[in-house]
Amino acid sequence: MNLKSLAKDTAIYGLSSIVGRFLNYLLVPLYTYRIAAESGGYGIVTNLYAYTALFMALLTFGMETTLFRFSNKEDEDPDKVYSTTLRLVGGVVLIFFGLVMVFLKPIATSMGYASHPEYVGCMAAIVSMDAFQAIMFSRLRQQHRPIKFMLLKFAFIIPNILLNLYIFLLMPHGDLFVKYNYGVGLIFFSNFICTALVFLGFIPELKGLKYGWDGTLARRMLSYTWPLLLLSLVGILNQVADKILLPKLIPGEEGIVQLGIYGACVKIAMIMTLLTQAFRYAYEPIVFNGIKDKDSPDTLAQGMKYFVIFALLAFLGVMFYMPILRHFVESGYWDGLQVIPIVMMAEIFMGIYFNLSFWYKLSDQTHWGAIISAIGAAVMIAVNVIFVPRYGFIACAWGGFAGYGTAMLLSYVIGQKKYPITYPIRRIAFFFAIAAAMFCISEMGLKDVPMWPRMAIETVMLLLYCLLIFKEITGAMPWNRQAIRKN
């Protein structure tokens, strides 16, 4: 594995993903401090963006991964693969958007937005543009062009932040503001404007349509990607089904209020999602480009180890500094802080599952991904349906934990039979044990210690964990020295 290339691309993609999304997440304090928890306004935002994520998976139907897979086949023309992919996704997007516009009122009513169908129409336009742009973003990744990727991500983020700042801090609170749920609806219109602007930067990539259409290639790509579609759908269900189900399982105003509290606090845990996404953007093209490399299994094993190590570092950092980070949301939302460690651990499980997923992608057994993810989604939905009406949003967090945990374990067990990879389980388990011990000390041993002394002790523990990471990277851990002596 070209670790230097992985580190460089991860840093650049991380700048656009982590820093970019972090800037976007700074809107959450703006929303929570301006939208009262009891109003349920942030619940509307959480709910509609959950639907958007679900339809994003449907409209891209696994074609991002399929683009990588076919572009790196020796007998395929990468330009023809790109053009065919773009046309496939573009056709599906046009059909979807047209159907939503024709049946807008009944769709909005079924979703609970009969009084504001324009919200649903706006989100349909946003997800349609996002799906089409996703293929062009994948093209940039496939061509190893992280700088343009980063610039286009920021071309959305910065204008969107500025528009939201204007809406909630400077815009006169007149009839327009009140009409759209005291600014909540204007969030979606801002998103639409900024997403449309990004197309200006994609003009060169849009010219890729001229490379033509290959019907035979399209059929082979669809044959490869349909299990990935199921995989994407059930995978995204694991992330958003709780946010779609909660208002239905707890009907009335209470459900949308709880969703707003849960959705706001989950954002604090999203640092794990950012880490996973940045790692994926850089790691996926490297794995597929090196598919014929005899060291490919070692690439996957080492990638898994370092992902887990740094994911646990992020987990400890968030939990140790929660007395500060909780101010990310207004105090009216603090009842939801209890979900953060559960959600973060669920996100680690998801990241591990992503790393494990390469066995069926590289061996063209993507149907296993669909089966495993479907089982995980079924577990998650079952936990939500059974326990949310009784326990509220905390059951949503445990649902994700159970769903991702199930998918992770199944993928490992089946993968070791179908495509064996020698993962450094003992080393990974060691770092898990250290992180778990530190977390327990923080939550139980230090719970009665005043905030600042407690955080000082936790900072020392975090530095000790960083020292262990440094020793692992430099080969100074005992097991590394033993391996060197054996060789």
Foldseek 3Di string as FASTA:
>chain_A
DPVVLLVVLLVLLLCLQVVLVVLVLLCLQVCQVQPPLLLLLLLVVLQLVLVLLLVLLLLLLQLLLLLLQQLQDPPHPSLQSLLQSLVSSLVSLVVQLVVCVVCQQVVCVVLPNNVCSVLVNLSSLLSSLVSSVSSVLSVCLLVVNSVLNSVLSVLLRVQLSVQSCCLRPPDPCDPVCVSCVNSSSVNSVSNSVSSVVSVVSCVVVVVSNVVDHDPVVSVVSCVLRNLVSLLSNLLSLLVRVLSSCQCVLVDDSVSSSLSSLQVSLQSLLCSLVSSLVSSCSSLSSVLSNCLVPPCSLVSLQVSLQVSLLVLLLVLLVSLLPVVPSVSSHDPSSVVNNVLRSLQSLLSSLQSLLVSLQVLCVSVSNSNVSSVLSNVLSVQLVVQCNVPCSPPNPSSNSVSSSSSSNSSSVVSQVVSCVRPNHDHPVVSSVVSVVLSVVLSCCLVPVCVPPDSPVSSVVSVVSSVVSVVVVVCVVVQNDPVSVVVVVVD
